[in-house]
Protein backbone atom coordinates (compact mmCIF):
# COMPACT_ATOMS: atom_id res chain seq x y z
CA UNK A 1 39.10 9.33 -41.27
CA UNK A 2 40.67 11.55 -39.06
CA UNK A 3 39.75 10.03 -34.83
CA UNK A 4 36.75 8.54 -33.05
CA UNK A 5 33.68 10.99 -33.10
CA UNK A 6 32.24 11.34 -29.77
CA UNK A 7 29.05 10.62 -28.99
CA UNK A 8 25.75 13.13 -29.27
CA UNK A 9 23.64 12.74 -25.73
CA UNK A 10 20.04 14.28 -25.21
CA UNK A 11 19.66 16.61 -23.43
CA UNK A 12 16.80 18.32 -21.78
CA UNK A 13 15.51 21.59 -23.69
CA UNK A 14 17.28 24.59 -22.10
CA UNK A 15 13.97 27.15 -22.34
CA UNK A 16 10.25 26.06 -21.00
CA UNK A 17 8.66 25.11 -18.22
CA UNK A 18 9.67 20.79 -17.62
CA UNK A 19 6.17 20.88 -15.66
CA UNK A 20 3.62 23.09 -13.74
CA UNK A 21 3.07 22.30 -10.50
CA UNK A 22 0.51 24.11 -7.99
CA UNK A 23 0.44 26.07 -4.98
CA UNK A 24 -0.27 23.03 -2.65
CA UNK A 25 2.64 20.54 -4.59
CA UNK A 26 5.04 23.77 -4.26
CA UNK A 27 4.14 23.74 -0.41
CA UNK A 28 4.27 19.37 0.21
CA UNK A 29 7.24 18.92 -1.59
CA UNK A 30 9.27 20.74 -0.13
CA UNK A 31 8.00 19.43 3.95
CA UNK A 32 10.63 17.02 5.32
CA UNK A 33 8.56 13.22 4.85
CA UNK A 34 7.16 11.26 7.58
CA UNK A 35 8.88 8.12 7.69
CA UNK A 36 7.46 6.35 10.98
CA UNK A 37 9.44 3.12 10.31
CA UNK A 38 13.21 4.80 10.49
CA UNK A 39 11.97 6.35 13.98
CA UNK A 40 10.41 3.10 15.04
CA UNK A 41 7.14 4.01 14.97
CA UNK A 42 5.28 2.47 12.30
CA UNK A 43 2.45 3.17 10.04
CA UNK A 44 -0.06 5.57 11.53
CA UNK A 45 -4.16 4.99 11.52
CA UNK A 46 -6.10 2.43 9.65
CA UNK A 47 -2.87 1.85 8.00
CA UNK A 48 -1.51 -0.43 10.68
CA UNK A 49 -2.51 -4.14 11.15
CA UNK A 50 -4.81 -4.88 13.40
CA UNK A 51 -5.14 -7.73 14.83
CA UNK A 52 -8.31 -7.92 16.61
CA UNK A 53 -9.55 -5.91 14.24
CA UNK A 54 -8.25 -9.09 11.56
CA UNK A 55 -10.34 -11.34 14.01
CA UNK A 56 -13.47 -9.95 13.86
CA UNK A 57 -13.25 -10.01 10.36
CA UNK A 58 -12.54 -13.74 10.07
CA UNK A 59 -14.55 -14.76 12.14
CA UNK A 60 -17.56 -12.59 11.22
CA UNK A 61 -16.84 -14.54 8.00
CA UNK A 62 -16.44 -17.56 9.51
CA UNK A 63 -20.21 -17.07 10.89
CA UNK A 64 -21.38 -16.34 7.80
CA UNK A 65 -19.93 -18.55 6.05
CA UNK A 66 -20.73 -21.86 7.41
CA UNK A 67 -23.67 -23.72 8.80
CA UNK A 68 -24.84 -22.73 12.73
CA UNK A 69 -24.51 -25.20 15.24
CA UNK A 70 -26.95 -27.73 15.71
CA UNK A 71 -28.03 -27.60 12.14
CA UNK A 72 -27.18 -31.09 11.38
CA UNK A 73 -28.57 -34.35 13.26
CA UNK A 74 -26.68 -36.18 14.89
CA UNK A 75 -27.43 -40.27 13.80
CA UNK A 76 -25.71 -42.64 16.18
CA UNK A 77 -25.50 -45.68 13.46
CA UNK A 78 -25.29 -48.87 14.68
CA UNK A 79 -24.29 -52.13 12.50
């Protein structure tokens, strides 16, 4: 037997489309991607964490789940 055999690697087909892109997809692929975290401005709009909105939601949830104030009678037990 002669020397070692060369391993054959899988190669993509040389003919035919691998995938098809619409005109909109091609346009978006050409545009630069915005990375707000790289330039220091972060996420925009509703994706950004809003403390006031989270606080309002938390208080609304407490109001919905908890009993209203004064609903429990206060009894003083004396021994």
